[in-house]
PDB file of all heavy atoms in Angstrom:
ATOM      1  N   ASP A   1      23.366  -8.300 -18.929  1.00  0.00           N
ATOM      2  CA  ASP A   1      24.212  -7.755 -19.972  1.00  0.00           C
ATOM      3  C   ASP A   1      23.710  -6.517 -20.646  1.00  0.00           C
ATOM      4  O   ASP A   1      24.393  -5.819 -21.419  1.00  0.00           O
ATOM      5  CB  ASP A   1      24.373  -8.831 -21.097  1.00  0.00           C
ATOM      6  CG  ASP A   1      23.085  -9.341 -21.686  1.00  0.00           C
ATOM      7  OD1 ASP A   1      22.029  -8.909 -21.182  1.00  0.00           O
ATOM      8  OD2 ASP A   1      23.126 -10.124 -22.624  1.00  0.00           O
ATOM      9  N   TRP A   2      22.497  -6.016 -20.331  1.00  0.00           N
ATOM     10  CA  TRP A   2      21.956  -4.801 -20.864  1.00  0.00           C
ATOM     11  C   TRP A   2      22.328  -3.478 -20.063  1.00  0.00           C
ATOM     12  O   TRP A   2      22.022  -2.452 -20.630  1.00  0.00           O
ATOM     13  CB  TRP A   2      20.444  -4.887 -21.180  1.00  0.00           C
ATOM     14  CG  TRP A   2      19.610  -5.064 -19.940  1.00  0.00           C
ATOM     15  CD1 TRP A   2      19.184  -6.220 -19.411  1.00  0.00           C
ATOM     16  CD2 TRP A   2      19.041  -3.969 -19.137  1.00  0.00           C
ATOM     17  NE1 TRP A   2      18.422  -5.948 -18.336  1.00  0.00           N
ATOM     18  CE2 TRP A   2      18.327  -4.611 -18.156  1.00  0.00           C
ATOM     19  CE3 TRP A   2      19.165  -2.622 -19.228  1.00  0.00           C
ATOM     20  CZ2 TRP A   2      17.617  -3.902 -17.162  1.00  0.00           C
ATOM     21  CZ3 TRP A   2      18.441  -1.883 -18.314  1.00  0.00           C
ATOM     22  CH2 TRP A   2      17.731  -2.501 -17.272  1.00  0.00           C
ATOM     23  N   PHE A   3      22.845  -3.643 -18.836  1.00  0.00           N
ATOM     24  CA  PHE A   3      23.165  -2.428 -18.081  1.00  0.00           C
ATOM     25  C   PHE A   3      24.448  -2.726 -17.359  1.00  0.00           C
ATOM     26  O   PHE A   3      24.970  -3.827 -17.139  1.00  0.00           O
ATOM     27  CB  PHE A   3      22.051  -2.114 -17.209  1.00  0.00           C
ATOM     28  CG  PHE A   3      21.817  -3.018 -15.954  1.00  0.00           C
ATOM     29  CD1 PHE A   3      22.527  -2.813 -14.813  1.00  0.00           C
ATOM     30  CD2 PHE A   3      20.951  -4.029 -16.007  1.00  0.00           C
ATOM     31  CE1 PHE A   3      22.410  -3.734 -13.666  1.00  0.00           C
ATOM     32  CE2 PHE A   3      20.782  -4.876 -14.959  1.00  0.00           C
ATOM     33  CZ  PHE A   3      21.453  -4.682 -13.778  1.00  0.00           C
ATOM     34  N   SER A   4      25.130  -1.566 -16.898  1.00  0.00           N
ATOM     35  CA  SER A   4      26.289  -1.637 -16.029  1.00  0.00           C
ATOM     36  C   SER A   4      26.027  -0.727 -14.848  1.00  0.00           C
ATOM     37  O   SER A   4      25.308   0.291 -14.916  1.00  0.00           O
ATOM     38  CB  SER A   4      27.565  -1.181 -16.843  1.00  0.00           C
ATOM     39  OG  SER A   4      27.382   0.129 -17.323  1.00  0.00           O
ATOM     40  N   PHE A   5      26.680  -1.118 -13.729  1.00  0.00           N
ATOM     41  CA  PHE A   5      26.490  -0.311 -12.506  1.00  0.00           C
ATOM     42  C   PHE A   5      27.284   0.916 -12.492  1.00  0.00           C
ATOM     43  O   PHE A   5      28.412   1.016 -12.855  1.00  0.00           O
ATOM     44  CB  PHE A   5      26.876  -1.182 -11.262  1.00  0.00           C
ATOM     45  CG  PHE A   5      25.842  -2.328 -11.053  1.00  0.00           C
ATOM     46  CD1 PHE A   5      26.113  -3.593 -11.350  1.00  0.00           C
ATOM     47  CD2 PHE A   5      24.658  -2.044 -10.439  1.00  0.00           C
ATOM     48  CE1 PHE A   5      25.259  -4.634 -11.230  1.00  0.00           C
ATOM     49  CE2 PHE A   5      23.704  -3.070 -10.173  1.00  0.00           C
ATOM     50  CZ  PHE A   5      24.016  -4.312 -10.613  1.00  0.00           C
ATOM     51  N   ILE A   6      26.617   2.031 -11.934  1.00  0.00           N
ATOM     52  CA  ILE A   6      27.370   3.223 -11.738  1.00  0.00           C
ATOM     53  C   ILE A   6      27.897   3.217 -10.351  1.00  0.00           C
ATOM     54  O   ILE A   6      28.962   3.799 -10.029  1.00  0.00           O
ATOM     55  CB  ILE A   6      26.394   4.492 -11.817  1.00  0.00           C
ATOM     56  CG1 ILE A   6      25.860   4.545 -13.349  1.00  0.00           C
ATOM     57  CG2 ILE A   6      27.050   5.788 -11.476  1.00  0.00           C
ATOM     58  CD1 ILE A   6      24.799   5.534 -13.468  1.00  0.00           C
ATOM     59  N   ASN A   7      27.179   2.665  -9.391  1.00  0.00           N
ATOM     60  CA  ASN A   7      27.638   2.432  -8.018  1.00  0.00           C
ATOM     61  C   ASN A   7      27.647   0.974  -7.729  1.00  0.00           C
ATOM     62  O   ASN A   7      27.995   0.150  -8.590  1.00  0.00           O
ATOM     63  CB  ASN A   7      26.790   3.226  -7.060  1.00  0.00           C
ATOM     64  CG  ASN A   7      25.277   2.788  -6.977  1.00  0.00           C
ATOM     65  OD1 ASN A   7      24.892   1.891  -7.653  1.00  0.00           O
ATOM     66  ND2 ASN A   7      24.530   3.415  -6.097  1.00  0.00           N
ATOM     67  N   PHE A   8      27.396   0.555  -6.547  1.00  0.00           N
ATOM     68  CA  PHE A   8      27.591  -0.862  -6.032  1.00  0.00           C
ATOM     69  C   PHE A   8      26.380  -1.720  -6.420  1.00  0.00           C
ATOM     70  O   PHE A   8      25.307  -1.253  -6.504  1.00  0.00           O
ATOM     71  CB  PHE A   8      27.774  -0.882  -4.599  1.00  0.00           C
ATOM     72  CG  PHE A   8      28.830   0.034  -4.104  1.00  0.00           C
ATOM     73  CD1 PHE A   8      28.621   1.240  -3.457  1.00  0.00           C
ATOM     74  CD2 PHE A   8      30.211  -0.289  -4.418  1.00  0.00           C
ATOM     75  CE1 PHE A   8      29.627   2.072  -3.058  1.00  0.00           C
ATOM     76  CE2 PHE A   8      31.246   0.556  -3.996  1.00  0.00           C
ATOM     77  CZ  PHE A   8      30.945   1.721  -3.360  1.00  0.00           C
ATOM     78  N   ASP A   9      26.668  -3.015  -6.649  1.00  0.00           N
ATOM     79  CA  ASP A   9      25.576  -3.928  -6.873  1.00  0.00           C
ATOM     80  C   ASP A   9      25.017  -4.620  -5.576  1.00  0.00           C
ATOM     81  O   ASP A   9      24.124  -5.312  -5.605  1.00  0.00           O
ATOM     82  CB  ASP A   9      26.055  -5.073  -7.886  1.00  0.00           C
ATOM     83  CG  ASP A   9      27.198  -5.885  -7.315  1.00  0.00           C
ATOM     84  OD1 ASP A   9      27.875  -5.510  -6.411  1.00  0.00           O
ATOM     85  OD2 ASP A   9      27.448  -6.961  -7.874  1.00  0.00           O
ATOM     86  N   ARG A  10      25.721  -4.335  -4.491  1.00  0.00           N
ATOM     87  CA  ARG A  10      25.321  -4.816  -3.162  1.00  0.00           C
ATOM     88  C   ARG A  10      25.309  -3.721  -2.093  1.00  0.00           C
ATOM     89  O   ARG A  10      26.148  -2.894  -2.155  1.00  0.00           O
ATOM     90  CB  ARG A  10      26.231  -5.926  -2.632  1.00  0.00           C
ATOM     91  CG  ARG A  10      26.178  -7.161  -3.531  1.00  0.00           C
ATOM     92  CD  ARG A  10      27.102  -8.206  -2.889  1.00  0.00           C
ATOM     93  NE  ARG A  10      27.060  -9.400  -3.703  1.00  0.00           N
ATOM     94  CZ  ARG A  10      26.069 -10.259  -3.766  1.00  0.00           C
ATOM     95  NH1 ARG A  10      25.051 -10.084  -3.002  1.00  0.00           N
ATOM     96  NH2 ARG A  10      26.053 -11.319  -4.514  1.00  0.00           N
ATOM     97  N   GLN A  11      24.414  -3.776  -1.200  1.00  0.00           N
ATOM     98  CA  GLN A  11      24.368  -2.805  -0.115  1.00  0.00           C
ATOM     99  C   GLN A  11      23.816  -3.478   1.155  1.00  0.00           C
ATOM    100  O   GLN A  11      23.094  -4.467   1.010  1.00  0.00           O
ATOM    101  CB  GLN A  11      23.361  -1.691  -0.420  1.00  0.00           C
ATOM    102  CG  GLN A  11      23.791  -0.856  -1.636  1.00  0.00           C
ATOM    103  CD  GLN A  11      22.695   0.163  -1.987  1.00  0.00           C
ATOM    104  OE1 GLN A  11      22.114   0.807  -1.121  1.00  0.00           O
ATOM    105  NE2 GLN A  11      22.480   0.289  -3.296  1.00  0.00           N
ATOM    106  N   GLN A  12      24.213  -2.991   2.292  1.00  0.00           N
ATOM    107  CA  GLN A  12      23.655  -3.503   3.497  1.00  0.00           C
ATOM    108  C   GLN A  12      22.956  -2.269   4.206  1.00  0.00           C
ATOM    109  O   GLN A  12      23.505  -1.167   4.341  1.00  0.00           O
ATOM    110  CB  GLN A  12      24.623  -4.038   4.466  1.00  0.00           C
ATOM    111  CG  GLN A  12      23.988  -4.695   5.727  1.00  0.00           C
ATOM    112  CD  GLN A  12      25.051  -5.466   6.549  1.00  0.00           C
ATOM    113  OE1 GLN A  12      25.762  -4.772   7.271  1.00  0.00           O
ATOM    114  NE2 GLN A  12      25.008  -6.740   6.423  1.00  0.00           N
ATOM    115  N   ILE A  13      21.632  -2.486   4.529  1.00  0.00           N
ATOM    116  CA  ILE A  13      20.834  -1.491   5.166  1.00  0.00           C
ATOM    117  C   ILE A  13      20.197  -1.971   6.410  1.00  0.00           C
ATOM    118  O   ILE A  13      20.111  -3.219   6.573  1.00  0.00           O
ATOM    119  CB  ILE A  13      19.756  -0.818   4.188  1.00  0.00           C
ATOM    120  CG1 ILE A  13      18.755  -1.948   3.759  1.00  0.00           C
ATOM    121  CG2 ILE A  13      20.512  -0.144   3.045  1.00  0.00           C
ATOM    122  CD1 ILE A  13      17.569  -1.345   3.043  1.00  0.00           C
ATOM    123  N   GLU A  14      19.772  -1.160   7.335  1.00  0.00           N
ATOM    124  CA  GLU A  14      19.053  -1.564   8.507  1.00  0.00           C
ATOM    125  C   GLU A  14      17.600  -0.996   8.395  1.00  0.00           C
ATOM    126  O   GLU A  14      17.373   0.155   7.976  1.00  0.00           O
ATOM    127  CB  GLU A  14      19.686  -1.056   9.750  1.00  0.00           C
ATOM    128  CG  GLU A  14      20.893  -1.709  10.133  1.00  0.00           C
ATOM    129  CD  GLU A  14      21.325  -1.431  11.628  1.00  0.00           C
ATOM    130  OE1 GLU A  14      20.626  -0.709  12.367  1.00  0.00           O
ATOM    131  OE2 GLU A  14      22.377  -1.874  11.978  1.00  0.00           O
ATOM    132  N   VAL A  15      16.622  -1.914   8.575  1.00  0.00           N
ATOM    133  CA  VAL A  15      15.273  -1.448   8.521  1.00  0.00           C
ATOM    134  C   VAL A  15      14.576  -1.728   9.929  1.00  0.00           C
ATOM    135  O   VAL A  15      14.638  -2.830  10.440  1.00  0.00           O
ATOM    136  CB  VAL A  15      14.481  -2.351   7.411  1.00  0.00           C
ATOM    137  CG1 VAL A  15      13.070  -1.797   7.263  1.00  0.00           C
ATOM    138  CG2 VAL A  15      15.281  -2.273   6.143  1.00  0.00           C
ATOM    139  N   ALA A  16      14.109  -0.676  10.488  1.00  0.00           N
ATOM    140  CA  ALA A  16      13.363  -0.708  11.750  1.00  0.00           C
ATOM    141  C   ALA A  16      12.121  -1.502  11.692  1.00  0.00           C
ATOM    142  O   ALA A  16      11.624  -1.782  10.588  1.00  0.00           O
ATOM    143  CB  ALA A  16      13.049   0.777  12.166  1.00  0.00           C
ATOM    144  N   PRO A  17      11.591  -1.963  12.787  1.00  0.00           N
ATOM    145  CA  PRO A  17      10.408  -2.670  12.772  1.00  0.00           C
ATOM    146  C   PRO A  17       9.221  -1.853  12.365  1.00  0.00           C
ATOM    147  O   PRO A  17       9.213  -0.712  12.599  1.00  0.00           O
ATOM    148  CB  PRO A  17      10.138  -3.003  14.370  1.00  0.00           C
ATOM    149  CG  PRO A  17      11.405  -2.717  14.997  1.00  0.00           C
ATOM    150  CD  PRO A  17      12.160  -1.827  14.161  1.00  0.00           C
ATOM    151  N   ASN A  18       8.360  -2.453  11.596  1.00  0.00           N
ATOM    152  CA  ASN A  18       7.182  -1.751  10.964  1.00  0.00           C
ATOM    153  C   ASN A  18       7.608  -0.535  10.227  1.00  0.00           C
ATOM    154  O   ASN A  18       6.938   0.497  10.277  1.00  0.00           O
ATOM    155  CB  ASN A  18       6.165  -1.418  12.030  1.00  0.00           C
ATOM    156  CG  ASN A  18       5.606  -2.712  12.663  1.00  0.00           C
ATOM    157  OD1 ASN A  18       5.155  -3.556  11.941  1.00  0.00           O
ATOM    158  ND2 ASN A  18       5.779  -2.853  14.012  1.00  0.00           N
ATOM    159  N   ALA A  19       8.679  -0.692   9.413  1.00  0.00           N
ATOM    160  CA  ALA A  19       9.129   0.479   8.623  1.00  0.00           C
ATOM    161  C   ALA A  19       9.676  -0.021   7.263  1.00  0.00           C
ATOM    162  O   ALA A  19       9.693  -1.177   7.001  1.00  0.00           O
ATOM    163  CB  ALA A  19      10.317   1.215   9.353  1.00  0.00           C
ATOM    164  N   SER A  20      10.155   0.926   6.524  1.00  0.00           N
ATOM    165  CA  SER A  20      10.740   0.647   5.237  1.00  0.00           C
ATOM    166  C   SER A  20      11.957   1.506   4.962  1.00  0.00           C
ATOM    167  O   SER A  20      12.012   2.583   5.508  1.00  0.00           O
ATOM    168  CB  SER A  20       9.763   0.668   4.085  1.00  0.00           C
ATOM    169  OG  SER A  20       9.296   2.033   3.953  1.00  0.00           O
ATOM    170  N   GLU A  21      12.855   1.022   4.159  1.00  0.00           N
ATOM    171  CA  GLU A  21      14.099   1.842   3.782  1.00  0.00           C
ATOM    172  C   GLU A  21      14.389   1.492   2.381  1.00  0.00           C
ATOM    173  O   GLU A  21      14.065   0.379   1.899  1.00  0.00           O
ATOM    174  CB  GLU A  21      15.285   1.413   4.624  1.00  0.00           C
ATOM    175  CG  GLU A  21      15.231   1.765   6.091  1.00  0.00           C
ATOM    176  CD  GLU A  21      15.323   3.365   6.305  1.00  0.00           C
ATOM    177  OE1 GLU A  21      15.934   4.027   5.472  1.00  0.00           O
ATOM    178  OE2 GLU A  21      14.809   3.795   7.367  1.00  0.00           O
ATOM    179  N   ASN A  22      15.159   2.331   1.678  1.00  0.00           N
ATOM    180  CA  ASN A  22      15.454   2.183   0.358  1.00  0.00           C
ATOM    181  C   ASN A  22      16.972   1.825   0.211  1.00  0.00           C
ATOM    182  O   ASN A  22      17.810   2.418   0.902  1.00  0.00           O
ATOM    183  CB  ASN A  22      15.234   3.444  -0.508  1.00  0.00           C
ATOM    184  CG  ASN A  22      13.780   3.688  -0.716  1.00  0.00           C
ATOM    185  OD1 ASN A  22      12.961   2.863  -0.626  1.00  0.00           O
ATOM    186  ND2 ASN A  22      13.464   5.022  -0.996  1.00  0.00           N
ATOM    187  N   ALA A  23      17.176   0.794  -0.664  1.00  0.00           N
ATOM    188  CA  ALA A  23      18.571   0.621  -1.211  1.00  0.00           C
ATOM    189  C   ALA A  23      18.551   1.152  -2.583  1.00  0.00           C
ATOM    190  O   ALA A  23      17.699   0.838  -3.395  1.00  0.00           O
ATOM    191  CB  ALA A  23      18.931  -0.908  -1.239  1.00  0.00           C
ATOM    192  N   VAL A  24      19.439   2.012  -2.904  1.00  0.00           N
ATOM    193  CA  VAL A  24      19.483   2.746  -4.232  1.00  0.00           C
ATOM    194  C   VAL A  24      20.529   2.290  -5.117  1.00  0.00           C
ATOM    195  O   VAL A  24      21.766   2.264  -4.722  1.00  0.00           O
ATOM    196  CB  VAL A  24      19.540   4.279  -4.048  1.00  0.00           C
ATOM    197  CG1 VAL A  24      19.546   4.963  -5.413  1.00  0.00           C
ATOM    198  CG2 VAL A  24      18.444   4.777  -3.166  1.00  0.00           C
ATOM    199  N   PHE A  25      20.179   1.798  -6.263  1.00  0.00           N
ATOM    200  CA  PHE A  25      21.108   1.207  -7.291  1.00  0.00           C
ATOM    201  C   PHE A  25      21.210   2.132  -8.457  1.00  0.00           C
ATOM    202  O   PHE A  25      20.202   2.452  -9.123  1.00  0.00           O
ATOM    203  CB  PHE A  25      20.744  -0.146  -7.742  1.00  0.00           C
ATOM    204  CG  PHE A  25      20.662  -1.178  -6.637  1.00  0.00           C
ATOM    205  CD1 PHE A  25      19.522  -1.396  -5.895  1.00  0.00           C
ATOM    206  CD2 PHE A  25      21.836  -1.852  -6.251  1.00  0.00           C
ATOM    207  CE1 PHE A  25      19.507  -2.370  -4.853  1.00  0.00           C
ATOM    208  CE2 PHE A  25      21.892  -2.710  -5.220  1.00  0.00           C
ATOM    209  CZ  PHE A  25      20.681  -3.014  -4.547  1.00  0.00           C
ATOM    210  N   GLY A  26      22.459   2.526  -8.783  1.00  0.00           N
ATOM    211  CA  GLY A  26      22.718   3.413  -9.965  1.00  0.00           C
ATOM    212  C   GLY A  26      23.251   2.532 -11.068  1.00  0.00           C
ATOM    213  O   GLY A  26      24.088   1.707 -10.915  1.00  0.00           O
ATOM    214  N   PHE A  27      22.689   2.700 -12.272  1.00  0.00           N
ATOM    215  CA  PHE A  27      23.110   1.933 -13.382  1.00  0.00           C
ATOM    216  C   PHE A  27      22.868   2.718 -14.741  1.00  0.00           C
ATOM    217  O   PHE A  27      22.189   3.737 -14.787  1.00  0.00           O
ATOM    218  CB  PHE A  27      22.398   0.492 -13.485  1.00  0.00           C
ATOM    219  CG  PHE A  27      20.898   0.648 -13.695  1.00  0.00           C
ATOM    220  CD1 PHE A  27      20.372   0.524 -14.983  1.00  0.00           C
ATOM    221  CD2 PHE A  27      20.015   0.788 -12.624  1.00  0.00           C
ATOM    222  CE1 PHE A  27      18.992   0.642 -15.183  1.00  0.00           C
ATOM    223  CE2 PHE A  27      18.670   0.778 -12.810  1.00  0.00           C
ATOM    224  CZ  PHE A  27      18.111   0.793 -14.103  1.00  0.00           C
TER     225      PHE A  27
END
């Protein structure tokens, strides 16, 4: 209740083996 989303609250990303990726949430 203290924030609202600017973009989506859910995302689907692909992360390669032995790697990392970011999901970015705007609020």
